[in-house]
Each structure stands twice: as structure tokens, then as C-alpha cells.
N, C-alpha and C. Protein backbone atom coordinates (compact mmCIF):
# COMPACT_ATOMS: atom_id res chain seq x y z
N MET A 1 -116.68 -251.30 -4.99
CA MET A 1 -115.79 -250.35 -4.37
C MET A 1 -115.44 -249.27 -5.42
N GLU A 2 -115.46 -248.01 -5.00
CA GLU A 2 -115.20 -246.91 -5.90
C GLU A 2 -113.71 -246.84 -6.24
N SER A 3 -113.44 -246.74 -7.55
CA SER A 3 -112.05 -246.62 -7.99
C SER A 3 -111.55 -245.22 -7.70
N GLU A 4 -110.22 -245.06 -7.80
CA GLU A 4 -109.59 -243.79 -7.54
C GLU A 4 -110.06 -242.76 -8.56
N ILE A 5 -110.17 -243.16 -9.82
CA ILE A 5 -110.62 -242.23 -10.88
C ILE A 5 -112.07 -241.84 -10.62
N ASP A 6 -112.94 -242.80 -10.26
CA ASP A 6 -114.33 -242.49 -9.94
C ASP A 6 -114.43 -241.49 -8.80
N SER A 7 -113.59 -241.69 -7.78
CA SER A 7 -113.59 -240.80 -6.62
C SER A 7 -113.17 -239.38 -7.05
N ILE A 8 -112.15 -239.26 -7.89
CA ILE A 8 -111.72 -237.96 -8.36
C ILE A 8 -112.81 -237.30 -9.21
N CYS A 9 -113.43 -238.08 -10.12
CA CYS A 9 -114.50 -237.53 -10.96
C CYS A 9 -115.64 -237.03 -10.12
N ASN A 10 -116.02 -237.80 -9.12
CA ASN A 10 -117.13 -237.39 -8.23
C ASN A 10 -116.79 -236.13 -7.52
N GLY A 11 -115.55 -235.98 -7.08
CA GLY A 11 -115.15 -234.76 -6.41
C GLY A 11 -115.14 -233.59 -7.38
N MET A 12 -114.67 -233.78 -8.63
CA MET A 12 -114.62 -232.75 -9.64
C MET A 12 -116.02 -232.31 -10.04
N ASN A 13 -116.96 -233.24 -10.09
CA ASN A 13 -118.33 -232.88 -10.52
C ASN A 13 -119.00 -232.01 -9.46
N ASN A 14 -118.46 -231.96 -8.25
CA ASN A 14 -119.02 -231.09 -7.23
C ASN A 14 -118.37 -229.72 -7.21
N ILE A 15 -117.39 -229.48 -8.05
CA ILE A 15 -116.70 -228.20 -8.13
C ILE A 15 -117.62 -227.20 -8.88
N ASN A 16 -117.77 -226.01 -8.33
CA ASN A 16 -118.52 -224.99 -8.98
C ASN A 16 -117.63 -224.28 -10.00
N LEU A 17 -117.85 -224.60 -11.30
CA LEU A 17 -117.01 -224.02 -12.36
C LEU A 17 -117.36 -222.56 -12.63
N ASP A 18 -118.49 -222.08 -12.14
CA ASP A 18 -118.87 -220.71 -12.39
C ASP A 18 -118.41 -219.78 -11.27
N GLU A 19 -117.75 -220.31 -10.28
CA GLU A 19 -117.28 -219.52 -9.14
C GLU A 19 -116.25 -218.51 -9.60
N ASN A 20 -116.43 -217.27 -9.20
CA ASN A 20 -115.45 -216.22 -9.54
C ASN A 20 -114.26 -216.31 -8.65
N ILE A 21 -113.08 -216.38 -9.25
CA ILE A 21 -111.83 -216.43 -8.49
C ILE A 21 -111.00 -215.21 -8.88
N ALA A 22 -110.52 -214.49 -7.90
CA ALA A 22 -109.72 -213.29 -8.17
C ALA A 22 -108.35 -213.70 -8.65
N ASN A 23 -107.95 -213.13 -9.80
CA ASN A 23 -106.63 -213.40 -10.34
C ASN A 23 -105.70 -212.20 -10.22
N ARG A 24 -106.18 -211.14 -9.61
CA ARG A 24 -105.39 -209.92 -9.54
C ARG A 24 -104.04 -210.16 -8.91
N GLY A 25 -103.01 -209.72 -9.64
CA GLY A 25 -101.70 -209.83 -9.08
C GLY A 25 -101.06 -211.18 -9.25
N THR A 26 -101.73 -212.08 -9.92
CA THR A 26 -101.18 -213.45 -10.08
C THR A 26 -100.54 -213.64 -11.46
N GLY A 27 -100.66 -212.65 -12.34
CA GLY A 27 -100.15 -212.77 -13.69
C GLY A 27 -101.12 -213.50 -14.62
N ALA A 28 -102.36 -213.73 -14.16
CA ALA A 28 -103.36 -214.46 -14.97
C ALA A 28 -104.10 -213.50 -15.85
N GLY A 29 -103.49 -213.01 -16.88
CA GLY A 29 -104.14 -212.14 -17.84
C GLY A 29 -103.83 -210.67 -17.56
N GLY A 30 -103.87 -209.86 -18.62
CA GLY A 30 -103.59 -208.45 -18.48
C GLY A 30 -104.77 -207.67 -17.88
N SER A 31 -104.55 -206.46 -17.51
CA SER A 31 -105.58 -205.67 -16.85
C SER A 31 -106.76 -205.35 -17.78
N ASN A 32 -106.54 -205.40 -19.08
CA ASN A 32 -107.64 -205.08 -19.99
C ASN A 32 -108.26 -206.33 -20.62
N THR A 33 -107.82 -207.51 -20.22
CA THR A 33 -108.30 -208.73 -20.84
C THR A 33 -109.81 -208.81 -20.81
N ASN A 34 -110.40 -208.66 -19.64
CA ASN A 34 -111.84 -208.80 -19.49
C ASN A 34 -112.58 -207.67 -20.24
N LYS A 35 -112.11 -206.42 -20.12
CA LYS A 35 -112.77 -205.30 -20.77
C LYS A 35 -112.73 -205.48 -22.27
N ASN A 36 -111.54 -205.75 -22.87
CA ASN A 36 -111.42 -205.87 -24.31
C ASN A 36 -112.13 -207.12 -24.81
N GLY A 37 -112.01 -208.22 -24.11
CA GLY A 37 -112.66 -209.46 -24.50
C GLY A 37 -114.15 -209.35 -24.49
N LEU A 38 -114.71 -208.67 -23.46
CA LEU A 38 -116.14 -208.48 -23.35
C LEU A 38 -116.67 -207.64 -24.48
N SER A 39 -116.00 -206.53 -24.81
CA SER A 39 -116.48 -205.67 -25.92
C SER A 39 -116.38 -206.44 -27.25
N TYR A 40 -115.38 -207.28 -27.39
CA TYR A 40 -115.23 -208.08 -28.62
C TYR A 40 -116.38 -209.09 -28.69
N GLU A 41 -116.74 -209.73 -27.56
CA GLU A 41 -117.84 -210.64 -27.56
C GLU A 41 -119.15 -209.93 -27.92
N GLN A 42 -119.35 -208.71 -27.46
CA GLN A 42 -120.54 -207.95 -27.74
C GLN A 42 -120.58 -207.56 -29.22
N LYS A 43 -119.40 -207.13 -29.75
CA LYS A 43 -119.31 -206.70 -31.15
C LYS A 43 -119.62 -207.87 -32.09
N THR A 44 -119.23 -209.05 -31.74
CA THR A 44 -119.39 -210.23 -32.62
C THR A 44 -120.66 -211.05 -32.26
N ASP A 45 -121.46 -210.58 -31.30
CA ASP A 45 -122.66 -211.30 -30.91
C ASP A 45 -123.65 -211.33 -32.06
N LEU A 46 -124.29 -212.44 -32.24
CA LEU A 46 -125.21 -212.62 -33.37
C LEU A 46 -126.66 -212.22 -33.06
N SER A 47 -126.93 -211.74 -31.88
CA SER A 47 -128.32 -211.47 -31.48
C SER A 47 -129.02 -210.43 -32.37
N SER A 48 -128.29 -209.59 -33.03
CA SER A 48 -128.90 -208.60 -33.94
C SER A 48 -129.39 -209.24 -35.25
N GLU A 49 -129.03 -210.51 -35.46
CA GLU A 49 -129.28 -211.18 -36.72
C GLU A 49 -130.41 -212.20 -36.68
N TYR A 50 -131.04 -212.38 -35.56
CA TYR A 50 -132.13 -213.39 -35.49
C TYR A 50 -133.38 -212.80 -34.84
N ASP A 51 -134.48 -213.51 -35.10
CA ASP A 51 -135.76 -213.18 -34.47
C ASP A 51 -135.98 -214.19 -33.38
N ILE A 52 -136.49 -213.70 -32.23
CA ILE A 52 -136.80 -214.59 -31.13
C ILE A 52 -138.24 -215.09 -31.27
N ILE A 53 -138.37 -216.43 -31.30
CA ILE A 53 -139.70 -217.00 -31.43
C ILE A 53 -140.31 -217.19 -30.06
N LYS A 54 -139.51 -217.72 -29.13
CA LYS A 54 -140.00 -217.96 -27.78
C LYS A 54 -138.84 -217.89 -26.78
N GLN A 55 -139.07 -217.28 -25.64
CA GLN A 55 -138.05 -217.09 -24.60
C GLN A 55 -138.29 -218.02 -23.42
N PHE A 56 -137.21 -218.66 -22.92
CA PHE A 56 -137.27 -219.52 -21.74
C PHE A 56 -136.22 -219.04 -20.77
N LYS A 57 -136.12 -219.68 -19.63
CA LYS A 57 -135.17 -219.29 -18.61
C LYS A 57 -133.71 -219.44 -19.08
N TYR A 58 -133.34 -220.58 -19.66
CA TYR A 58 -131.97 -220.86 -20.03
C TYR A 58 -131.69 -220.77 -21.52
N HIS A 59 -132.73 -220.55 -22.33
CA HIS A 59 -132.54 -220.53 -23.75
C HIS A 59 -133.71 -219.79 -24.42
N LYS A 60 -133.53 -219.60 -25.70
CA LYS A 60 -134.64 -219.08 -26.50
C LYS A 60 -134.66 -219.81 -27.83
N ILE A 61 -135.85 -219.91 -28.41
CA ILE A 61 -135.98 -220.46 -29.75
C ILE A 61 -135.86 -219.27 -30.68
N ILE A 62 -134.96 -219.37 -31.66
CA ILE A 62 -134.69 -218.28 -32.57
C ILE A 62 -134.84 -218.68 -34.00
N ASN A 63 -134.84 -217.69 -34.86
CA ASN A 63 -134.96 -217.94 -36.30
C ASN A 63 -133.88 -217.16 -37.01
N PHE A 64 -132.93 -217.86 -37.65
CA PHE A 64 -131.93 -217.26 -38.54
C PHE A 64 -132.44 -217.53 -39.95
N ASN A 65 -132.89 -216.52 -40.65
CA ASN A 65 -133.27 -216.70 -42.08
C ASN A 65 -134.17 -217.93 -42.27
N ASN A 66 -135.23 -218.09 -41.49
CA ASN A 66 -136.15 -219.20 -41.53
C ASN A 66 -135.56 -220.53 -41.10
N TYR A 67 -134.49 -220.49 -40.34
CA TYR A 67 -133.83 -221.69 -39.85
C TYR A 67 -133.90 -221.63 -38.31
N GLU A 68 -134.67 -222.54 -37.73
CA GLU A 68 -134.92 -222.49 -36.30
C GLU A 68 -133.80 -223.19 -35.49
N LEU A 69 -133.36 -222.52 -34.45
CA LEU A 69 -132.33 -223.02 -33.58
C LEU A 69 -132.65 -222.68 -32.14
N VAL A 70 -131.95 -223.35 -31.22
CA VAL A 70 -131.98 -222.97 -29.82
C VAL A 70 -130.77 -222.12 -29.59
N CYS A 71 -130.97 -220.96 -28.94
CA CYS A 71 -129.86 -220.10 -28.58
C CYS A 71 -129.74 -220.14 -27.08
N ILE A 72 -128.58 -220.47 -26.57
CA ILE A 72 -128.37 -220.58 -25.15
C ILE A 72 -128.18 -219.19 -24.54
N ASN A 73 -128.95 -218.93 -23.48
CA ASN A 73 -128.89 -217.63 -22.79
C ASN A 73 -127.66 -217.53 -21.88
N ASN A 74 -126.96 -216.45 -21.96
CA ASN A 74 -125.96 -216.06 -20.99
C ASN A 74 -125.15 -217.22 -20.41
N LYS A 75 -124.57 -217.99 -21.31
CA LYS A 75 -123.66 -219.08 -20.91
C LYS A 75 -124.34 -220.12 -20.01
N GLN A 76 -125.50 -220.56 -20.40
CA GLN A 76 -126.29 -221.54 -19.61
C GLN A 76 -126.40 -222.91 -20.29
N LEU A 77 -125.35 -223.30 -21.08
CA LEU A 77 -125.40 -224.55 -21.81
C LEU A 77 -125.68 -225.74 -20.93
N PHE A 78 -124.99 -225.87 -19.81
CA PHE A 78 -125.15 -227.07 -18.95
C PHE A 78 -126.56 -227.06 -18.29
N LYS A 79 -127.10 -225.91 -18.03
CA LYS A 79 -128.45 -225.88 -17.49
C LYS A 79 -129.45 -226.36 -18.53
N TYR A 80 -129.33 -225.86 -19.76
CA TYR A 80 -130.23 -226.26 -20.81
C TYR A 80 -130.10 -227.79 -21.11
N MET A 81 -128.89 -228.26 -21.11
CA MET A 81 -128.62 -229.65 -21.49
C MET A 81 -128.69 -230.63 -20.29
N GLU A 82 -129.13 -230.19 -19.17
CA GLU A 82 -129.10 -230.95 -17.92
C GLU A 82 -129.61 -232.40 -18.11
N ASN A 83 -130.70 -232.58 -18.81
CA ASN A 83 -131.28 -233.91 -19.00
C ASN A 83 -130.68 -234.67 -20.17
N LYS A 84 -129.71 -234.06 -20.87
CA LYS A 84 -129.09 -234.62 -22.02
C LYS A 84 -127.60 -234.85 -21.83
N THR A 85 -127.19 -234.75 -20.58
CA THR A 85 -125.76 -234.83 -20.24
C THR A 85 -125.41 -236.17 -19.64
N ASP A 86 -124.29 -236.73 -20.04
CA ASP A 86 -123.77 -237.94 -19.40
C ASP A 86 -123.05 -237.50 -18.13
N ASN A 87 -123.74 -237.70 -16.99
CA ASN A 87 -123.19 -237.20 -15.71
C ASN A 87 -122.03 -238.03 -15.18
N ASP A 88 -121.73 -239.14 -15.85
CA ASP A 88 -120.54 -239.95 -15.46
C ASP A 88 -119.23 -239.37 -15.98
N ILE A 89 -119.34 -238.35 -16.83
CA ILE A 89 -118.16 -237.73 -17.43
C ILE A 89 -117.71 -236.61 -16.49
N CYS A 90 -116.45 -236.61 -16.15
CA CYS A 90 -115.89 -235.57 -15.29
C CYS A 90 -115.96 -234.22 -16.01
N LYS A 91 -116.26 -233.15 -15.29
CA LYS A 91 -116.23 -231.82 -15.88
C LYS A 91 -114.75 -231.46 -16.14
N ALA A 92 -114.52 -230.86 -17.27
CA ALA A 92 -113.17 -230.49 -17.65
C ALA A 92 -112.96 -228.99 -17.62
N HIS A 93 -111.78 -228.61 -17.18
CA HIS A 93 -111.43 -227.16 -17.21
C HIS A 93 -111.37 -226.76 -18.69
N GLY A 94 -111.83 -225.58 -18.99
CA GLY A 94 -111.81 -225.08 -20.35
C GLY A 94 -113.03 -225.46 -21.16
N CYS A 95 -113.90 -226.32 -20.58
CA CYS A 95 -115.11 -226.72 -21.28
C CYS A 95 -116.31 -226.33 -20.40
N LYS A 96 -116.23 -225.16 -19.82
CA LYS A 96 -117.26 -224.69 -18.88
C LYS A 96 -118.47 -224.17 -19.60
N GLN A 97 -118.35 -223.01 -20.13
CA GLN A 97 -119.46 -222.36 -20.84
C GLN A 97 -118.93 -221.68 -22.09
N PRO A 98 -119.47 -222.00 -23.24
CA PRO A 98 -118.99 -221.36 -24.46
C PRO A 98 -119.41 -219.88 -24.52
N ASP A 99 -118.68 -219.10 -25.30
CA ASP A 99 -119.00 -217.68 -25.44
C ASP A 99 -120.34 -217.50 -26.11
N GLU A 100 -120.62 -218.31 -27.10
CA GLU A 100 -121.91 -218.28 -27.77
C GLU A 100 -122.23 -219.71 -28.22
N CYS A 101 -123.49 -220.08 -28.15
CA CYS A 101 -123.86 -221.47 -28.44
C CYS A 101 -125.25 -221.54 -29.07
N TYR A 102 -125.36 -222.33 -30.16
CA TYR A 102 -126.61 -222.56 -30.82
C TYR A 102 -126.78 -224.08 -30.99
N ILE A 103 -128.03 -224.52 -30.88
CA ILE A 103 -128.28 -225.95 -30.98
C ILE A 103 -129.38 -226.19 -32.01
N ASP A 104 -129.10 -227.08 -32.92
CA ASP A 104 -130.08 -227.56 -33.91
C ASP A 104 -130.64 -228.84 -33.33
N GLU A 105 -131.80 -228.75 -32.72
CA GLU A 105 -132.42 -229.91 -32.07
C GLU A 105 -132.92 -230.93 -33.12
N ASN A 106 -133.30 -230.49 -34.28
CA ASN A 106 -133.80 -231.43 -35.32
C ASN A 106 -132.66 -232.36 -35.82
N ASN A 107 -131.47 -231.80 -35.99
CA ASN A 107 -130.33 -232.58 -36.47
C ASN A 107 -129.38 -233.00 -35.37
N LYS A 108 -129.64 -232.59 -34.16
CA LYS A 108 -128.80 -232.91 -33.00
C LYS A 108 -127.35 -232.43 -33.17
N VAL A 109 -127.21 -231.12 -33.45
CA VAL A 109 -125.92 -230.50 -33.63
C VAL A 109 -125.78 -229.31 -32.66
N VAL A 110 -124.68 -229.27 -31.93
CA VAL A 110 -124.39 -228.15 -31.05
C VAL A 110 -123.26 -227.33 -31.67
N TYR A 111 -123.50 -226.04 -31.91
CA TYR A 111 -122.49 -225.12 -32.45
C TYR A 111 -121.93 -224.31 -31.32
N ILE A 112 -120.68 -224.52 -31.00
CA ILE A 112 -120.00 -223.81 -29.95
C ILE A 112 -119.08 -222.77 -30.56
N ILE A 113 -119.30 -221.51 -30.26
CA ILE A 113 -118.48 -220.44 -30.80
C ILE A 113 -117.58 -219.92 -29.68
N GLU A 114 -116.28 -220.11 -29.87
CA GLU A 114 -115.29 -219.68 -28.91
C GLU A 114 -114.64 -218.42 -29.46
N LYS A 115 -114.72 -217.31 -28.68
CA LYS A 115 -114.20 -216.01 -29.14
C LYS A 115 -112.91 -215.66 -28.42
N LYS A 116 -111.93 -215.27 -29.23
CA LYS A 116 -110.62 -214.89 -28.66
C LYS A 116 -110.21 -213.54 -29.23
N PHE A 117 -109.99 -212.61 -28.31
CA PHE A 117 -109.52 -211.29 -28.68
C PHE A 117 -108.12 -211.08 -28.11
N GLN A 118 -107.18 -210.60 -28.91
CA GLN A 118 -105.82 -210.35 -28.47
C GLN A 118 -105.27 -209.24 -29.30
N GLN A 119 -104.49 -208.36 -28.65
CA GLN A 119 -103.86 -207.27 -29.43
C GLN A 119 -102.37 -207.08 -29.04
N THR A 120 -101.92 -207.81 -28.00
CA THR A 120 -100.51 -207.74 -27.62
C THR A 120 -100.02 -209.15 -27.38
N SER A 121 -98.71 -209.34 -27.27
CA SER A 121 -98.18 -210.70 -27.11
C SER A 121 -98.63 -211.32 -25.80
N GLY A 122 -98.62 -212.62 -25.80
CA GLY A 122 -99.06 -213.38 -24.60
C GLY A 122 -99.09 -214.85 -24.97
N SER A 123 -99.64 -215.66 -24.10
CA SER A 123 -99.69 -217.11 -24.34
C SER A 123 -100.98 -217.56 -24.96
N VAL A 124 -101.71 -216.63 -25.54
CA VAL A 124 -103.04 -216.96 -26.06
C VAL A 124 -103.01 -217.91 -27.25
N CYS A 125 -101.93 -217.95 -28.03
CA CYS A 125 -101.84 -218.87 -29.17
C CYS A 125 -102.03 -220.30 -28.73
N GLU A 126 -101.56 -220.62 -27.54
CA GLU A 126 -101.71 -222.00 -27.00
C GLU A 126 -103.17 -222.42 -26.89
N LYS A 127 -104.04 -221.43 -26.67
CA LYS A 127 -105.47 -221.75 -26.54
C LYS A 127 -106.06 -222.28 -27.83
N LEU A 128 -105.43 -221.94 -28.96
CA LEU A 128 -105.94 -222.44 -30.25
C LEU A 128 -105.52 -223.87 -30.49
N GLN A 129 -104.70 -224.43 -29.64
CA GLN A 129 -104.25 -225.80 -29.79
C GLN A 129 -105.14 -226.80 -29.07
N THR A 130 -106.24 -226.35 -28.50
CA THR A 130 -107.08 -227.19 -27.65
C THR A 130 -108.37 -227.74 -28.24
N PRO A 131 -108.74 -227.50 -29.48
CA PRO A 131 -110.04 -227.91 -29.96
C PRO A 131 -110.24 -229.44 -29.93
N ASP A 132 -109.19 -230.24 -30.17
CA ASP A 132 -109.36 -231.69 -30.13
C ASP A 132 -109.85 -232.14 -28.75
N PHE A 133 -109.26 -231.63 -27.71
CA PHE A 133 -109.69 -232.02 -26.37
C PHE A 133 -111.12 -231.54 -26.13
N LYS A 134 -111.42 -230.31 -26.48
CA LYS A 134 -112.78 -229.79 -26.21
C LYS A 134 -113.84 -230.52 -27.01
N LEU A 135 -113.55 -230.87 -28.23
CA LEU A 135 -114.49 -231.66 -29.03
C LEU A 135 -114.71 -233.02 -28.40
N TRP A 136 -113.62 -233.65 -27.99
CA TRP A 136 -113.69 -234.98 -27.33
C TRP A 136 -114.54 -234.85 -26.06
N GLN A 137 -114.28 -233.84 -25.26
CA GLN A 137 -114.99 -233.69 -23.98
C GLN A 137 -116.46 -233.35 -24.17
N TYR A 138 -116.78 -232.40 -25.05
CA TYR A 138 -118.17 -232.06 -25.26
C TYR A 138 -118.94 -233.23 -25.90
N THR A 139 -118.29 -233.99 -26.76
CA THR A 139 -118.93 -235.15 -27.40
C THR A 139 -119.26 -236.23 -26.35
N ARG A 140 -118.39 -236.44 -25.42
CA ARG A 140 -118.65 -237.41 -24.36
C ARG A 140 -119.73 -236.88 -23.40
N THR A 141 -119.72 -235.61 -23.13
CA THR A 141 -120.65 -235.00 -22.20
C THR A 141 -122.07 -234.98 -22.78
N PHE A 142 -122.18 -234.70 -24.08
CA PHE A 142 -123.47 -234.67 -24.75
C PHE A 142 -123.49 -235.69 -25.87
N PRO A 143 -123.58 -237.00 -25.53
CA PRO A 143 -123.39 -238.06 -26.50
C PRO A 143 -124.46 -238.17 -27.60
N GLN A 144 -125.61 -237.52 -27.40
CA GLN A 144 -126.68 -237.56 -28.41
C GLN A 144 -126.46 -236.56 -29.54
N TYR A 145 -125.42 -235.71 -29.40
CA TYR A 145 -125.23 -234.58 -30.28
C TYR A 145 -123.86 -234.62 -31.00
N ARG A 146 -123.88 -234.07 -32.18
CA ARG A 146 -122.60 -233.78 -32.87
C ARG A 146 -122.18 -232.39 -32.47
N ILE A 147 -120.92 -232.25 -32.15
CA ILE A 147 -120.37 -230.94 -31.69
C ILE A 147 -119.60 -230.30 -32.83
N VAL A 148 -119.92 -229.05 -33.10
CA VAL A 148 -119.14 -228.27 -34.09
C VAL A 148 -118.53 -227.12 -33.33
N TYR A 149 -117.20 -227.13 -33.25
CA TYR A 149 -116.45 -226.15 -32.50
C TYR A 149 -115.94 -225.09 -33.47
N ILE A 150 -116.24 -223.84 -33.19
CA ILE A 150 -115.94 -222.73 -34.12
C ILE A 150 -115.16 -221.67 -33.37
N TYR A 151 -114.14 -221.08 -34.04
CA TYR A 151 -113.42 -219.97 -33.44
C TYR A 151 -113.80 -218.65 -34.13
N CYS A 152 -113.96 -217.62 -33.34
CA CYS A 152 -114.09 -216.24 -33.81
C CYS A 152 -112.89 -215.51 -33.24
N LEU A 153 -112.00 -215.04 -34.11
CA LEU A 153 -110.73 -214.50 -33.65
C LEU A 153 -110.55 -213.04 -34.11
N SER A 154 -109.78 -212.31 -33.34
CA SER A 154 -109.37 -210.96 -33.72
C SER A 154 -108.17 -211.08 -34.69
N ASP A 155 -107.92 -210.01 -35.41
CA ASP A 155 -106.90 -210.05 -36.48
C ASP A 155 -105.49 -210.31 -35.97
N TRP A 156 -105.21 -210.04 -34.71
CA TRP A 156 -103.90 -210.28 -34.13
C TRP A 156 -103.42 -211.70 -34.42
N PHE A 157 -104.31 -212.65 -34.39
CA PHE A 157 -103.95 -214.06 -34.58
C PHE A 157 -103.38 -214.35 -35.99
N LYS A 158 -103.78 -213.57 -36.97
CA LYS A 158 -103.35 -213.80 -38.33
C LYS A 158 -101.84 -213.76 -38.47
N LYS A 159 -101.20 -212.84 -37.77
CA LYS A 159 -99.74 -212.68 -37.87
C LYS A 159 -98.97 -213.43 -36.80
N ASN A 160 -99.61 -213.65 -35.67
CA ASN A 160 -98.90 -214.16 -34.49
C ASN A 160 -99.13 -215.64 -34.17
N CYS A 161 -100.08 -216.29 -34.81
CA CYS A 161 -100.38 -217.69 -34.48
C CYS A 161 -100.54 -218.50 -35.79
N ILE A 162 -99.59 -218.35 -36.66
CA ILE A 162 -99.70 -218.93 -37.99
C ILE A 162 -99.76 -220.47 -37.94
N ALA A 163 -98.88 -221.09 -37.16
CA ALA A 163 -98.88 -222.54 -37.06
C ALA A 163 -100.19 -223.07 -36.46
N GLU A 164 -100.70 -222.35 -35.48
CA GLU A 164 -101.97 -222.78 -34.85
C GLU A 164 -103.15 -222.63 -35.83
N LEU A 165 -103.13 -221.60 -36.67
CA LEU A 165 -104.17 -221.44 -37.67
C LEU A 165 -104.06 -222.53 -38.72
N GLU A 166 -102.84 -222.90 -39.12
CA GLU A 166 -102.66 -224.02 -40.05
C GLU A 166 -103.22 -225.32 -39.45
N TYR A 167 -102.97 -225.52 -38.15
CA TYR A 167 -103.48 -226.67 -37.46
C TYR A 167 -105.01 -226.71 -37.47
N LEU A 168 -105.64 -225.57 -37.18
CA LEU A 168 -107.11 -225.52 -37.18
C LEU A 168 -107.64 -225.86 -38.58
N GLU A 169 -106.99 -225.33 -39.60
CA GLU A 169 -107.41 -225.65 -40.98
C GLU A 169 -107.28 -227.15 -41.24
N TYR A 170 -106.14 -227.72 -40.83
CA TYR A 170 -105.88 -229.14 -40.99
C TYR A 170 -106.93 -229.99 -40.29
N LYS A 171 -107.37 -229.56 -39.13
CA LYS A 171 -108.39 -230.30 -38.34
C LYS A 171 -109.83 -229.92 -38.70
N ASN A 172 -109.98 -229.08 -39.72
CA ASN A 172 -111.31 -228.64 -40.16
C ASN A 172 -112.11 -227.93 -39.08
N VAL A 173 -111.39 -227.16 -38.26
CA VAL A 173 -112.05 -226.33 -37.25
C VAL A 173 -112.27 -224.96 -37.91
N PRO A 174 -113.54 -224.57 -38.08
CA PRO A 174 -113.83 -223.29 -38.74
C PRO A 174 -113.32 -222.13 -37.94
N VAL A 175 -112.73 -221.15 -38.66
CA VAL A 175 -112.25 -219.89 -38.07
C VAL A 175 -112.95 -218.75 -38.83
N PHE A 176 -113.51 -217.84 -38.04
CA PHE A 176 -114.09 -216.63 -38.59
C PHE A 176 -113.43 -215.45 -37.94
N TRP A 177 -113.33 -214.33 -38.67
CA TRP A 177 -112.63 -213.15 -38.20
C TRP A 177 -113.65 -212.12 -37.79
N GLY A 178 -113.66 -211.72 -36.52
CA GLY A 178 -114.65 -210.80 -36.01
C GLY A 178 -114.58 -209.44 -36.64
N SER A 179 -113.45 -209.06 -37.21
CA SER A 179 -113.29 -207.73 -37.85
C SER A 179 -113.85 -207.75 -39.29
N ASP A 180 -114.12 -208.92 -39.81
CA ASP A 180 -114.64 -209.04 -41.18
C ASP A 180 -116.02 -208.38 -41.24
N PHE A 181 -116.19 -207.46 -42.19
CA PHE A 181 -117.45 -206.74 -42.33
C PHE A 181 -118.61 -207.72 -42.49
N ASN A 182 -118.38 -208.85 -43.11
CA ASN A 182 -119.45 -209.85 -43.33
C ASN A 182 -119.37 -211.01 -42.30
N TYR A 183 -118.71 -210.79 -41.18
CA TYR A 183 -118.53 -211.86 -40.18
C TYR A 183 -119.88 -212.52 -39.85
N LYS A 184 -120.87 -211.74 -39.47
CA LYS A 184 -122.15 -212.30 -38.99
C LYS A 184 -122.82 -213.09 -40.10
N ASN A 185 -122.83 -212.56 -41.31
CA ASN A 185 -123.44 -213.29 -42.44
C ASN A 185 -122.72 -214.60 -42.71
N LYS A 186 -121.37 -214.56 -42.65
CA LYS A 186 -120.59 -215.75 -42.96
C LYS A 186 -120.80 -216.86 -41.91
N ILE A 187 -120.81 -216.51 -40.64
CA ILE A 187 -120.95 -217.55 -39.61
C ILE A 187 -122.37 -218.11 -39.57
N ILE A 188 -123.37 -217.23 -39.83
CA ILE A 188 -124.75 -217.69 -39.89
C ILE A 188 -124.94 -218.62 -41.10
N SER A 189 -124.37 -218.25 -42.21
CA SER A 189 -124.44 -219.09 -43.41
C SER A 189 -123.79 -220.44 -43.14
N PHE A 190 -122.67 -220.45 -42.45
CA PHE A 190 -121.99 -221.69 -42.12
C PHE A 190 -122.94 -222.59 -41.28
N ILE A 191 -123.54 -222.03 -40.27
CA ILE A 191 -124.44 -222.79 -39.38
C ILE A 191 -125.64 -223.31 -40.14
N ILE A 192 -126.29 -222.45 -40.92
CA ILE A 192 -127.49 -222.85 -41.66
C ILE A 192 -127.19 -223.93 -42.69
N ASN A 193 -126.04 -223.83 -43.35
CA ASN A 193 -125.72 -224.75 -44.45
C ASN A 193 -124.83 -225.89 -44.01
N TYR A 194 -124.61 -226.06 -42.70
CA TYR A 194 -123.67 -227.10 -42.23
C TYR A 194 -124.26 -228.48 -42.58
N THR A 195 -123.39 -229.30 -43.10
CA THR A 195 -123.75 -230.73 -43.37
C THR A 195 -122.74 -231.58 -42.66
N GLN A 196 -123.26 -232.66 -42.10
CA GLN A 196 -122.42 -233.52 -41.30
C GLN A 196 -121.52 -234.36 -42.13
């Protein structure tokens, strides 16, 4: 007999997490959130820094300074990992599709880059308090892989989320600053030289 939790999980696994839901007029983010966030994601995108070896539907094989990785196309992590996913794990809100994702298949490491852009006050600092849950969830979902969760943040966070940044440092969650002139070199160096 199916338990109540199993029934809920089965129902949640049938939810389309990619479905667009209109938030207009609900207070769910400012009018420029998507526009500013998207331009920040494009500015900090690492695609200018690698060579494409081979292109597939959901991913591409890339080369960062002679270091081969899988780069997930357009937020298609779950499509690429379809045969490597523990389907008994309920899908969690907030663990849908990372902003940028690279996978080292040789060492079984998934690098998830979460990008946050903010320039005015809001509740965004709370989002920096969630990496423990996301690491736990991604690790259960992809049990064959080690998950490395990385933040790319705008400078606003330096002055406005001090306790959260201290927490990320305490938990060894890497933080990179998108405005840093050497941002791309630093994050690529981190990925290439990462040791478990």
C-alpha cells in the first residue's frame, strides 16, 4: 500500500517545474527582476571562455584550458541526467534548473552556478541561506555525483547580506563576484583545480 509521503512524491514528480506562471501584480519580484537578472546572467556567462568539442541536444562537450567538461545547454540539467537520476526522490522547489552547470564526468562532479543580481532592497538575502538544502537535494537526486554549489553575486550583496556571506564562507560555499574583472578566470580556475 502506498504511503502518504509516497503519494505526495508521486504527485509532485508529475508537476511541470518549467511551466511559466504569471506573477504580475502578486508582489513576486520587481518589474525589472527578469530584465536585470537576465543581462547579469549573460554578462557572467562563461561561453566566451571555452571551445566546443561536440554539440548535442541537451549538452555540449567543452574544453576549458585543456580541461574537458560537459556544459548543460539552456537549463537542461534534468534532461541530460535523465538516466542518472534517482526518480524516487521528490522534485524540490528551488532545485529546478541551475543558471549555469558544468559536469566533470571523469571525476563525477557537478558544478552548479547560481547567479543572483540585486541592486535594491528586497528579500533576496534569504536566498543565500538555502545552499544546504539544495546540496542535500541535488546529492540525493544525482547520487553518483559530488555536487559543488557556487554563487555568482552582484556587488549589492557585499553590503546588504553580510551575515549570509559569512555563513556561505563557514559552509565552504564558493562565492564569486560577477563585477570582478577576473571573474571568469577565477571561476574557471576554481572548477579546473577543484579537489574533493
